[in-house]
């Protein structure tokens, strides 16, 4: 007899199966999500996004793997991020920040990163 998902340790369930289970049980909204701000070399262009894997997503931006705004304008410097556990809240926060004036976005970045350093540099070897 096959064990139910609730009886199996989450460490032995492959991610794809775990994600399907979460979707089918309504737990899909709980997890690790990041709202982040990228900029270009002179901090003039901003991009605000949301992801469930910040390091992977920033690597994708830096590698220019995905066509779009960040590739076109060379927006690869991570200057701000915040953690959320609910995908809906993360998306709401992304939209909220996108609607702000530039001066308010700049002030938000300065709360975490007054020198506008690339925060992803700490992940490099």
Protein backbone atom coordinates (compact mmCIF):
# COMPACT_ATOMS: atom_id res chain seq x y z
CA UNK A 1 0.00 0.00 0.00
CA UNK A 2 1.35 3.41 -0.92
CA UNK A 3 1.90 5.90 1.89
CA UNK A 4 0.03 9.17 1.65
CA UNK A 5 1.95 12.41 1.14
CA UNK A 6 1.37 13.32 4.76
CA UNK A 7 3.10 10.14 5.95
CA UNK A 8 6.25 10.60 3.86
CA UNK A 9 9.08 12.79 5.07
CA UNK A 10 9.26 16.00 3.01
CA UNK A 11 12.97 15.34 2.50
CA UNK A 12 12.30 12.30 0.28
CA UNK A 13 9.60 13.86 -1.90
CA UNK A 14 11.04 15.30 -5.13
CA UNK A 15 10.40 19.02 -5.58
CA UNK A 16 8.07 18.53 -8.55
CA UNK A 17 5.90 16.13 -6.57
CA UNK A 18 6.01 18.37 -3.48
CA UNK A 19 4.94 21.36 -5.59
CA UNK A 20 2.06 19.38 -7.09
CA UNK A 21 1.00 18.27 -3.61
CA UNK A 22 1.12 21.84 -2.33
CA UNK A 23 -0.97 23.00 -5.29
CA UNK A 24 -3.58 20.29 -4.72
CA UNK A 25 -3.83 20.93 -0.98
CA UNK A 26 -3.88 24.73 -1.10
CA UNK A 27 -0.47 25.05 0.59
CA UNK A 28 1.07 26.51 -2.56
CA UNK A 29 0.95 30.02 -1.12
CA UNK A 30 3.33 29.22 1.73
CA UNK A 31 7.02 29.14 1.01
CA UNK A 32 10.06 31.31 0.48
CA UNK A 33 9.57 34.33 -1.74
CA UNK A 34 11.66 37.41 -2.33
CA UNK A 35 10.76 40.83 -3.64
CA UNK A 36 13.92 42.35 -5.05
CA UNK A 37 15.26 45.46 -6.74
CA UNK A 38 17.94 45.43 -9.41
CA UNK A 39 19.65 48.39 -10.98
CA UNK A 40 22.28 49.07 -13.61
CA UNK A 41 25.90 50.18 -13.14
CA UNK A 42 25.04 53.84 -12.46
CA UNK A 43 21.82 53.19 -10.49
CA UNK A 44 19.63 55.03 -13.00
CA UNK A 45 17.44 52.12 -14.13
CA UNK A 46 15.44 50.01 -11.68
CA UNK A 47 13.75 46.65 -12.01
CA UNK A 48 11.48 45.20 -9.33
CA UNK A 49 10.68 41.50 -9.33
CA UNK A 50 9.53 38.56 -7.24
CA UNK A 51 10.98 35.05 -7.09
CA UNK A 52 11.06 31.92 -4.98
CA UNK A 53 14.83 31.48 -5.42
CA UNK A 54 16.75 34.74 -5.19
CA UNK A 55 20.23 33.41 -5.98
CA UNK A 56 19.04 31.50 -9.04
CA UNK A 57 17.00 34.42 -10.34
CA UNK A 58 19.82 36.93 -9.91
CA UNK A 59 22.15 34.52 -11.68
CA UNK A 60 19.66 34.37 -14.57
CA UNK A 61 19.62 38.16 -14.77
CA UNK A 62 23.42 38.39 -14.67
CA UNK A 63 23.78 35.67 -17.32
CA UNK A 64 21.17 37.43 -19.48
CA UNK A 65 19.37 34.13 -20.01
CA UNK A 66 15.95 35.71 -20.38
CA UNK A 67 15.11 38.32 -22.99
CA UNK A 68 13.43 41.40 -21.62
CA UNK A 69 13.93 44.60 -19.70
CA UNK A 70 16.90 43.56 -17.56
CA UNK A 71 18.80 42.14 -20.52
CA UNK A 72 18.05 45.15 -22.73
CA UNK A 73 19.12 47.72 -20.11
CA UNK A 74 21.88 45.63 -18.45
CA UNK A 75 20.13 45.68 -15.07
CA UNK A 76 22.05 43.13 -13.01
CA UNK A 77 23.02 44.73 -9.68
CA UNK A 78 20.98 43.50 -6.69
CA UNK A 79 20.53 46.46 -4.35
CA UNK A 80 17.54 45.42 -2.22
CA UNK A 81 15.48 42.39 -1.30
CA UNK A 82 12.93 41.36 1.27
CA UNK A 83 11.59 37.99 2.31
CA UNK A 84 7.95 36.92 2.28
CA UNK A 85 6.33 33.58 3.14
CA UNK A 86 3.13 34.11 1.16
CA UNK A 87 3.22 34.40 -2.64
CA UNK A 88 0.16 36.65 -2.71
CA UNK A 89 1.75 39.04 -0.22
CA UNK A 90 5.00 39.00 -2.24
CA UNK A 91 3.14 39.89 -5.43
CA UNK A 92 1.18 42.61 -3.63
CA UNK A 93 4.42 44.06 -2.27
CA UNK A 94 6.06 43.97 -5.71
CA UNK A 95 3.13 45.89 -7.18
CA UNK A 96 3.14 48.33 -4.27
CA UNK A 97 6.83 49.17 -4.73
CA UNK A 98 6.47 49.42 -8.52
CA UNK A 99 3.76 52.06 -8.02
CA UNK A 100 5.99 54.27 -5.86
CA UNK A 101 7.81 57.36 -7.06
CA UNK A 102 11.50 56.87 -7.73
CA UNK A 103 12.48 58.87 -4.63
CA UNK A 104 10.56 56.47 -2.37
CA UNK A 105 12.19 53.43 -4.05
CA UNK A 106 15.59 55.03 -3.54
CA UNK A 107 14.81 55.57 0.15
CA UNK A 108 13.82 51.91 0.49
CA UNK A 109 17.12 50.76 -1.03
CA UNK A 110 19.06 53.06 1.31
CA UNK A 111 17.44 51.43 4.38
CA UNK A 112 19.21 48.16 3.52
CA UNK A 113 22.05 49.26 1.31
CA UNK A 114 23.15 52.90 1.76
CA UNK A 115 26.10 52.50 -0.64
CA UNK A 116 24.06 50.78 -3.36
CA UNK A 117 26.48 47.85 -3.38
CA UNK A 118 25.72 44.68 -5.34
CA UNK A 119 24.35 42.44 -2.56
CA UNK A 120 24.81 39.34 -4.70
CA UNK A 121 28.61 39.74 -4.56
CA UNK A 122 28.57 37.97 -1.18
CA UNK A 123 27.37 34.80 -2.96
CA UNK A 124 30.40 34.68 -5.23
CA UNK A 125 33.42 32.58 -4.31
